Amino acid sequence: AVLSNHGAAPETIRPENMQCLTVTILRGKDGYGFTICSDSPVRVQAVDPGGPADQAGLQQLDTLLQLNGQPVEQWKCVDLAHAIR
């Protein structure tokens, strides 16, 4: 699950403006097509245009809430990166 502020202007990014989306990202030949940053919560740093994450609807600055149904809101970036690999 991902907490998303798709299309929101930076000054309007507040919890009440967020929407929760579940995305499924299938691994491509070069990986999943996104990078993550920050701890508790982990956020999407960048999304490769046309890659699996982009095709699934993931966007820069989205917050990662779950990985395979497991809550990851309080995880460190490095731990989540290892779990994704």
PDB file of N, CA and C in Angstrom:
ATOM      1  N   ALA A   1       0.844  -1.180   0.000  1.00  0.00           N
ATOM      2  CA  ALA A   1       0.000   0.000   0.000  1.00  0.00           C
ATOM      3  C   ALA A   1       0.884   1.236   0.000  1.00  0.00           C
ATOM      4  N   VAL A   2       0.429   2.233  -0.650  1.00  0.00           N
ATOM      5  CA  VAL A   2       1.189   3.465  -0.793  1.00  0.00           C
ATOM      6  C   VAL A   2       0.281   4.628  -0.436  1.00  0.00           C
ATOM      7  N   LEU A   3       0.802   5.581   0.335  1.00  0.00           N
ATOM      8  CA  LEU A   3       0.080   6.813   0.613  1.00  0.00           C
ATOM      9  C   LEU A   3       0.517   7.805  -0.442  1.00  0.00           C
ATOM     10  N   SER A   4      -0.411   8.344  -1.181  1.00  0.00           N
ATOM     11  CA  SER A   4      -0.072   9.150  -2.339  1.00  0.00           C
ATOM     12  C   SER A   4      -0.668  10.552  -2.265  1.00  0.00           C
ATOM     13  N   ASN A   5       0.097  11.488  -2.797  1.00  0.00           N
ATOM     14  CA  ASN A   5      -0.386  12.858  -2.933  1.00  0.00           C
ATOM     15  C   ASN A   5      -0.385  13.229  -4.417  1.00  0.00           C
ATOM     16  N   HIS A   6      -0.759  12.292  -5.257  1.00  0.00           N
ATOM     17  CA  HIS A   6      -0.729  12.465  -6.704  1.00  0.00           C
ATOM     18  C   HIS A   6      -1.335  13.798  -7.127  1.00  0.00           C
ATOM     19  N   GLY A   7      -0.531  14.590  -7.792  1.00  0.00           N
ATOM     20  CA  GLY A   7      -1.014  15.830  -8.369  1.00  0.00           C
ATOM     21  C   GLY A   7      -1.223  16.970  -7.397  1.00  0.00           C
ATOM     22  N   ALA A   8      -0.922  16.781  -6.127  1.00  0.00           N
ATOM     23  CA  ALA A   8      -1.150  17.841  -5.139  1.00  0.00           C
ATOM     24  C   ALA A   8       0.005  18.841  -5.155  1.00  0.00           C
ATOM     25  N   ALA A   9      -0.339  20.088  -5.054  1.00  0.00           N
ATOM     26  CA  ALA A   9       0.696  21.111  -4.918  1.00  0.00           C
ATOM     27  C   ALA A   9       1.335  20.976  -3.548  1.00  0.00           C
ATOM     28  N   PRO A  10       2.644  21.250  -3.420  1.00  0.00           N
ATOM     29  CA  PRO A  10       3.328  21.060  -2.130  1.00  0.00           C
ATOM     30  C   PRO A  10       2.634  21.710  -0.940  1.00  0.00           C
ATOM     31  N   GLU A  11       2.028  22.878  -1.146  1.00  0.00           N
ATOM     32  CA  GLU A  11       1.396  23.562  -0.020  1.00  0.00           C
ATOM     33  C   GLU A  11       0.081  22.899   0.404  1.00  0.00           C
ATOM     34  N   THR A  12      -0.436  21.974  -0.415  1.00  0.00           N
ATOM     35  CA  THR A  12      -1.694  21.309  -0.064  1.00  0.00           C
ATOM     36  C   THR A  12      -1.480  19.881   0.428  1.00  0.00           C
ATOM     37  N   ILE A  13      -0.230  19.467   0.602  1.00  0.00           N
ATOM     38  CA  ILE A  13       0.040  18.099   1.041  1.00  0.00           C
ATOM     39  C   ILE A  13      -0.181  18.008   2.546  1.00  0.00           C
ATOM     40  N   ARG A  14      -1.337  17.495   2.908  1.00  0.00           N
ATOM     41  CA  ARG A  14      -1.705  17.277   4.304  1.00  0.00           C
ATOM     42  C   ARG A  14      -2.349  15.894   4.377  1.00  0.00           C
ATOM     43  N   PRO A  15      -2.340  15.265   5.539  1.00  0.00           N
ATOM     44  CA  PRO A  15      -2.918  13.916   5.649  1.00  0.00           C
ATOM     45  C   PRO A  15      -4.319  13.794   5.074  1.00  0.00           C
ATOM     46  N   GLU A  16      -5.138  14.814   5.258  1.00  0.00           N
ATOM     47  CA  GLU A  16      -6.510  14.713   4.757  1.00  0.00           C
ATOM     48  C   GLU A  16      -6.586  14.755   3.238  1.00  0.00           C
ATOM     49  N   ASN A  17      -5.503  15.173   2.578  1.00  0.00           N
ATOM     50  CA  ASN A  17      -5.476  15.224   1.118  1.00  0.00           C
ATOM     51  C   ASN A  17      -4.842  13.973   0.501  1.00  0.00           C
ATOM     52  N   MET A  18      -4.434  13.038   1.333  1.00  0.00           N
ATOM     53  CA  MET A  18      -3.765  11.841   0.848  1.00  0.00           C
ATOM     54  C   MET A  18      -4.786  10.768   0.495  1.00  0.00           C
ATOM     55  N   GLN A  19      -4.394   9.872  -0.381  1.00  0.00           N
ATOM     56  CA  GLN A  19      -5.220   8.727  -0.683  1.00  0.00           C
ATOM     57  C   GLN A  19      -4.344   7.478  -0.611  1.00  0.00           C
ATOM     58  N   CYS A  20      -4.917   6.401  -0.148  1.00  0.00           N
ATOM     59  CA  CYS A  20      -4.188   5.146   0.000  1.00  0.00           C
ATOM     60  C   CYS A  20      -4.447   4.292  -1.234  1.00  0.00           C
ATOM     61  N   LEU A  21      -3.371   3.879  -1.885  1.00  0.00           N
ATOM     62  CA  LEU A  21      -3.467   3.047  -3.074  1.00  0.00           C
ATOM     63  C   LEU A  21      -2.678   1.770  -2.845  1.00  0.00           C
ATOM     64  N   THR A  22      -3.163   0.680  -3.375  1.00  0.00           N
ATOM     65  CA  THR A  22      -2.402  -0.563  -3.378  1.00  0.00           C
ATOM     66  C   THR A  22      -1.901  -0.772  -4.798  1.00  0.00           C
ATOM     67  N   VAL A  23      -0.597  -0.902  -4.938  1.00  0.00           N
ATOM     68  CA  VAL A  23      -0.011  -1.126  -6.260  1.00  0.00           C
ATOM     69  C   VAL A  23       0.775  -2.427  -6.237  1.00  0.00           C
ATOM     70  N   THR A  24       0.733  -3.126  -7.347  1.00  0.00           N
ATOM     71  CA  THR A  24       1.527  -4.342  -7.527  1.00  0.00           C
ATOM     72  C   THR A  24       2.583  -4.038  -8.562  1.00  0.00           C
ATOM     73  N   ILE A  25       3.835  -4.228  -8.183  1.00  0.00           N
ATOM     74  CA  ILE A  25       4.949  -3.923  -9.080  1.00  0.00           C
ATOM     75  C   ILE A  25       5.684  -5.222  -9.370  1.00  0.00           C
ATOM     76  N   LEU A  26       5.682  -5.625 -10.617  1.00  0.00           N
ATOM     77  CA  LEU A  26       6.384  -6.830 -11.027  1.00  0.00           C
ATOM     78  C   LEU A  26       7.817  -6.466 -11.404  1.00  0.00           C
ATOM     79  N   ARG A  27       8.747  -7.275 -10.945  1.00  0.00           N
ATOM     80  CA  ARG A  27      10.160  -7.022 -11.206  1.00  0.00           C
ATOM     81  C   ARG A  27      10.432  -7.112 -12.710  1.00  0.00           C
ATOM     82  N   GLY A  28      11.080  -6.072 -13.246  1.00  0.00           N
ATOM     83  CA  GLY A  28      11.495  -6.074 -14.639  1.00  0.00           C
ATOM     84  C   GLY A  28      12.922  -6.587 -14.759  1.00  0.00           C
ATOM     85  N   LYS A  29      13.467  -6.583 -15.961  1.00  0.00           N
ATOM     86  CA  LYS A  29      14.826  -7.098 -16.156  1.00  0.00           C
ATOM     87  C   LYS A  29      15.865  -6.246 -15.432  1.00  0.00           C
ATOM     88  N   ASP A  30      15.542  -4.979 -15.176  1.00  0.00           N
ATOM     89  CA  ASP A  30      16.466  -4.080 -14.479  1.00  0.00           C
ATOM     90  C   ASP A  30      15.984  -3.733 -13.068  1.00  0.00           C
ATOM     91  N   GLY A  31      15.110  -4.551 -12.495  1.00  0.00           N
ATOM     92  CA  GLY A  31      14.608  -4.286 -11.149  1.00  0.00           C
ATOM     93  C   GLY A  31      13.188  -3.773 -11.176  1.00  0.00           C
ATOM     94  N   TYR A  32      12.811  -3.070 -10.113  1.00  0.00           N
ATOM     95  CA  TYR A  32      11.439  -2.584  -9.965  1.00  0.00           C
ATOM     96  C   TYR A  32      11.234  -1.172 -10.511  1.00  0.00           C
ATOM     97  N   GLY A  33      12.310  -0.455 -10.744  1.00  0.00           N
ATOM     98  CA  GLY A  33      12.191   0.846 -11.372  1.00  0.00           C
ATOM     99  C   GLY A  33      11.894   2.002 -10.442  1.00  0.00           C
ATOM    100  N   PHE A  34      12.326   1.895  -9.177  1.00  0.00           N
ATOM    101  CA  PHE A  34      12.180   3.036  -8.277  1.00  0.00           C
ATOM    102  C   PHE A  34      13.244   2.976  -7.199  1.00  0.00           C
ATOM    103  N   THR A  35      13.524   4.135  -6.608  1.00  0.00           N
ATOM    104  CA  THR A  35      14.443   4.216  -5.485  1.00  0.00           C
ATOM    105  C   THR A  35      13.693   4.818  -4.303  1.00  0.00           C
ATOM    106  N   ILE A  36      14.194   4.511  -3.098  1.00  0.00           N
ATOM    107  CA  ILE A  36      13.534   4.988  -1.879  1.00  0.00           C
ATOM    108  C   ILE A  36      14.519   5.768  -1.019  1.00  0.00           C
ATOM    109  N   CYS A  37      13.971   6.558  -0.103  1.00  0.00           N
ATOM    110  CA  CYS A  37      14.793   7.365   0.789  1.00  0.00           C
ATOM    111  C   CYS A  37      14.024   7.627   2.078  1.00  0.00           C
ATOM    112  N   SER A  38      14.700   8.130   3.053  1.00  0.00           N
ATOM    113  CA  SER A  38      14.174   8.528   4.366  1.00  0.00           C
ATOM    114  C   SER A  38      13.725   7.331   5.207  1.00  0.00           C
ATOM    115  N   ASP A  39      13.639   7.553   6.488  1.00  0.00           N
ATOM    116  CA  ASP A  39      13.243   6.519   7.442  1.00  0.00           C
ATOM    117  C   ASP A  39      11.936   6.916   8.125  1.00  0.00           C
ATOM    118  N   SER A  40      11.108   5.936   8.382  1.00  0.00           N
ATOM    119  CA  SER A  40       9.907   6.081   9.220  1.00  0.00           C
ATOM    120  C   SER A  40       9.098   7.349   8.963  1.00  0.00           C
ATOM    121  N   PRO A  41       8.495   7.547   7.852  1.00  0.00           N
ATOM    122  CA  PRO A  41       8.209   6.562   6.820  1.00  0.00           C
ATOM    123  C   PRO A  41       9.218   6.616   5.666  1.00  0.00           C
ATOM    124  N   VAL A  42       9.276   5.522   4.936  1.00  0.00           N
ATOM    125  CA  VAL A  42      10.101   5.458   3.731  1.00  0.00           C
ATOM    126  C   VAL A  42       9.301   6.068   2.588  1.00  0.00           C
ATOM    127  N   ARG A  43       9.962   6.910   1.818  1.00  0.00           N
ATOM    128  CA  ARG A  43       9.305   7.571   0.678  1.00  0.00           C
ATOM    129  C   ARG A  43       9.986   7.177  -0.629  1.00  0.00           C
ATOM    130  N   VAL A  44       9.233   7.320  -1.710  1.00  0.00           N
ATOM    131  CA  VAL A  44       9.780   7.066  -3.040  1.00  0.00           C
ATOM    132  C   VAL A  44      10.624   8.270  -3.434  1.00  0.00           C
ATOM    133  N   GLN A  45      11.892   8.031  -3.720  1.00  0.00           N
ATOM    134  CA  GLN A  45      12.796   9.113  -4.104  1.00  0.00           C
ATOM    135  C   GLN A  45      12.672   9.423  -5.592  1.00  0.00           C
ATOM    136  N   ALA A  46      12.629   8.379  -6.410  1.00  0.00           N
ATOM    137  CA  ALA A  46      12.542   8.567  -7.857  1.00  0.00           C
ATOM    138  C   ALA A  46      11.895   7.342  -8.486  1.00  0.00           C
ATOM    139  N   VAL A  47      11.257   7.554  -9.627  1.00  0.00           N
ATOM    140  CA  VAL A  47      10.614   6.483 -10.386  1.00  0.00           C
ATOM    141  C   VAL A  47      11.162   6.547 -11.811  1.00  0.00           C
ATOM    142  N   ASP A  48      11.640   5.409 -12.304  1.00  0.00           N
ATOM    143  CA  ASP A  48      12.166   5.356 -13.670  1.00  0.00           C
ATOM    144  C   ASP A  48      11.012   5.455 -14.661  1.00  0.00           C
ATOM    145  N   PRO A  49      11.044   6.455 -15.557  1.00  0.00           N
ATOM    146  CA  PRO A  49       9.969   6.594 -16.539  1.00  0.00           C
ATOM    147  C   PRO A  49       9.820   5.327 -17.381  1.00  0.00           C
ATOM    148  N   GLY A  50       8.605   4.835 -17.467  1.00  0.00           N
ATOM    149  CA  GLY A  50       8.324   3.649 -18.266  1.00  0.00           C
ATOM    150  C   GLY A  50       8.653   2.330 -17.586  1.00  0.00           C
ATOM    151  N   GLY A  51       9.242   2.387 -16.394  1.00  0.00           N
ATOM    152  CA  GLY A  51       9.614   1.167 -15.678  1.00  0.00           C
ATOM    153  C   GLY A  51       8.418   0.546 -14.977  1.00  0.00           C
ATOM    154  N   PRO A  52       8.645  -0.612 -14.347  1.00  0.00           N
ATOM    155  CA  PRO A  52       7.540  -1.315 -13.681  1.00  0.00           C
ATOM    156  C   PRO A  52       6.797  -0.469 -12.637  1.00  0.00           C
ATOM    157  N   ALA A  53       7.525   0.279 -11.812  1.00  0.00           N
ATOM    158  CA  ALA A  53       6.878   1.103 -10.787  1.00  0.00           C
ATOM    159  C   ALA A  53       6.035   2.216 -11.422  1.00  0.00           C
ATOM    160  N   ASP A  54       6.570   2.834 -12.475  1.00  0.00           N
ATOM    161  CA  ASP A  54       5.843   3.883 -13.197  1.00  0.00           C
ATOM    162  C   ASP A  54       4.562   3.304 -13.797  1.00  0.00           C
ATOM    163  N   GLN A  55       4.660   2.143 -14.403  1.00  0.00           N
ATOM    164  CA  GLN A  55       3.490   1.514 -15.018  1.00  0.00           C
ATOM    165  C   GLN A  55       2.445   1.136 -13.969  1.00  0.00           C
ATOM    166  N   ALA A  56       2.894   0.862 -12.743  1.00  0.00           N
ATOM    167  CA  ALA A  56       1.963   0.509 -11.664  1.00  0.00           C
ATOM    168  C   ALA A  56       1.330   1.730 -11.019  1.00  0.00           C
ATOM    169  N   GLY A  57       1.858   2.929 -11.314  1.00  0.00           N
ATOM    170  CA  GLY A  57       1.276   4.156 -10.777  1.00  0.00           C
ATOM    171  C   GLY A  57       2.027   4.763  -9.606  1.00  0.00           C
ATOM    172  N   LEU A  58       3.187   4.213  -9.243  1.00  0.00           N
ATOM    173  CA  LEU A  58       3.985   4.779  -8.157  1.00  0.00           C
ATOM    174  C   LEU A  58       4.538   6.132  -8.592  1.00  0.00           C
ATOM    175  N   GLN A  59       4.588   7.075  -7.670  1.00  0.00           N
ATOM    176  CA  GLN A  59       5.093   8.410  -7.993  1.00  0.00           C
ATOM    177  C   GLN A  59       6.086   8.875  -6.944  1.00  0.00           C
ATOM    178  N   GLN A  60       6.944   9.797  -7.372  1.00  0.00           N
ATOM    179  CA  GLN A  60       7.933  10.390  -6.470  1.00  0.00           C
ATOM    180  C   GLN A  60       7.220  10.980  -5.250  1.00  0.00           C
ATOM    181  N   LEU A  61       7.800  10.789  -4.080  1.00  0.00           N
ATOM    182  CA  LEU A  61       7.329  11.264  -2.773  1.00  0.00           C
ATOM    183  C   LEU A  61       6.180  10.443  -2.188  1.00  0.00           C
ATOM    184  N   ASP A  62       5.730   9.387  -2.894  1.00  0.00           N
ATOM    185  CA  ASP A  62       4.745   8.498  -2.285  1.00  0.00           C
ATOM    186  C   ASP A  62       5.361   7.887  -1.031  1.00  0.00           C
ATOM    187  N   THR A  63       4.550   7.587  -0.047  1.00  0.00           N
ATOM    188  CA  THR A  63       4.985   6.954   1.198  1.00  0.00           C
ATOM    189  C   THR A  63       4.639   5.475   1.139  1.00  0.00           C
ATOM    190  N   LEU A  64       5.610   4.627   1.456  1.00  0.00           N
ATOM    191  CA  LEU A  64       5.379   3.191   1.438  1.00  0.00           C
ATOM    192  C   LEU A  64       4.815   2.757   2.791  1.00  0.00           C
ATOM    193  N   LEU A  65       3.651   2.126   2.766  1.00  0.00           N
ATOM    194  CA  LEU A  65       2.966   1.710   3.985  1.00  0.00           C
ATOM    195  C   LEU A  65       3.099   0.221   4.258  1.00  0.00           C
ATOM    196  N   GLN A  66       3.082  -0.587   3.183  1.00  0.00           N
ATOM    197  CA  GLN A  66       3.141  -2.035   3.342  1.00  0.00           C
ATOM    198  C   GLN A  66       3.984  -2.635   2.227  1.00  0.00           C
ATOM    199  N   LEU A  67       4.582  -3.781   2.531  1.00  0.00           N
ATOM    200  CA  LEU A  67       5.290  -4.576   1.538  1.00  0.00           C
ATOM    201  C   LEU A  67       4.767  -6.003   1.674  1.00  0.00           C
ATOM    202  N   ASN A  68       4.116  -6.482   0.625  1.00  0.00           N
ATOM    203  CA  ASN A  68       3.528  -7.829   0.652  1.00  0.00           C
ATOM    204  C   ASN A  68       2.631  -8.030   1.875  1.00  0.00           C
ATOM    205  N   GLY A  69       1.845  -6.998   2.204  1.00  0.00           N
ATOM    206  CA  GLY A  69       0.892  -7.075   3.299  1.00  0.00           C
ATOM    207  C   GLY A  69       1.462  -6.795   4.680  1.00  0.00           C
ATOM    208  N   GLN A  70       2.769  -6.620   4.772  1.00  0.00           N
ATOM    209  CA  GLN A  70       3.415  -6.352   6.066  1.00  0.00           C
ATOM    210  C   GLN A  70       3.585  -4.847   6.258  1.00  0.00           C
ATOM    211  N   PRO A  71       3.137  -4.293   7.389  1.00  0.00           N
ATOM    212  CA  PRO A  71       3.311  -2.857   7.641  1.00  0.00           C
ATOM    213  C   PRO A  71       4.794  -2.475   7.676  1.00  0.00           C
ATOM    214  N   VAL A  72       5.143  -1.407   6.961  1.00  0.00           N
ATOM    215  CA  VAL A  72       6.542  -0.951   6.922  1.00  0.00           C
ATOM    216  C   VAL A  72       6.672   0.545   7.216  1.00  0.00           C
ATOM    217  N   GLU A  73       5.610   1.150   7.761  1.00  0.00           N
ATOM    218  CA  GLU A  73       5.620   2.598   8.016  1.00  0.00           C
ATOM    219  C   GLU A  73       6.765   3.036   8.922  1.00  0.00           C
ATOM    220  N   GLN A  74       7.163   2.184   9.861  1.00  0.00           N
ATOM    221  CA  GLN A  74       8.198   2.567  10.830  1.00  0.00           C
ATOM    222  C   GLN A  74       9.572   2.000  10.482  1.00  0.00           C
ATOM    223  N   TRP A  75       9.727   1.447   9.306  1.00  0.00           N
ATOM    224  CA  TRP A  75      10.993   0.837   8.904  1.00  0.00           C
ATOM    225  C   TRP A  75      12.016   1.887   8.492  1.00  0.00           C
ATOM    226  N   LYS A  76      13.269   1.488   8.558  1.00  0.00           N
ATOM    227  CA  LYS A  76      14.358   2.298   8.018  1.00  0.00           C
ATOM    228  C   LYS A  76      14.488   1.981   6.528  1.00  0.00           C
ATOM    229  N   CYS A  77      14.932   2.959   5.772  1.00  0.00           N
ATOM    230  CA  CYS A  77      15.071   2.809   4.327  1.00  0.00           C
ATOM    231  C   CYS A  77      15.938   1.599   3.971  1.00  0.00           C
ATOM    232  N   VAL A  78      17.073   1.451   4.634  1.00  0.00           N
ATOM    233  CA  VAL A  78      18.001   0.356   4.309  1.00  0.00           C
ATOM    234  C   VAL A  78      17.356  -1.001   4.539  1.00  0.00           C
ATOM    235  N   ASP A  79      16.548  -1.136   5.592  1.00  0.00           N
ATOM    236  CA  ASP A  79      15.883  -2.406   5.874  1.00  0.00           C
ATOM    237  C   ASP A  79      14.831  -2.725   4.810  1.00  0.00           C
ATOM    238  N   LEU A  80      14.092  -1.718   4.402  1.00  0.00           N
ATOM    239  CA  LEU A  80      13.079  -1.934   3.365  1.00  0.00           C
ATOM    240  C   LEU A  80      13.737  -2.262   2.036  1.00  0.00           C
ATOM    241  N   ALA A  81      14.833  -1.598   1.722  1.00  0.00           N
ATOM    242  CA  ALA A  81      15.549  -1.871   0.477  1.00  0.00           C
ATOM    243  C   ALA A  81      15.994  -3.336   0.427  1.00  0.00           C
ATOM    244  N   HIS A  82      16.507  -3.857   1.553  1.00  0.00           N
ATOM    245  CA  HIS A  82      16.922  -5.261   1.602  1.00  0.00           C
ATOM    246  C   HIS A  82      15.731  -6.197   1.435  1.00  0.00           C
ATOM    247  N   ALA A  83      14.597  -5.843   2.038  1.00  0.00           N
ATOM    248  CA  ALA A  83      13.392  -6.684   1.926  1.00  0.00           C
ATOM    249  C   ALA A  83      12.843  -6.691   0.514  1.00  0.00           C
ATOM    250  N   ILE A  84      12.962  -5.584  -0.206  1.00  0.00           N
ATOM    251  CA  ILE A  84      12.457  -5.507  -1.573  1.00  0.00           C
ATOM    252  C   ILE A  84      13.320  -6.338  -2.509  1.00  0.00           C
ATOM    253  N   ARG A  85      14.605  -6.343  -2.283  1.00  0.00           N
ATOM    254  CA  ARG A  85      15.514  -7.096  -3.160  1.00  0.00           C
ATOM    255  C   ARG A  85      15.219  -8.572  -3.033  1.00  0.00           C
TER     256      ARG A  85
END
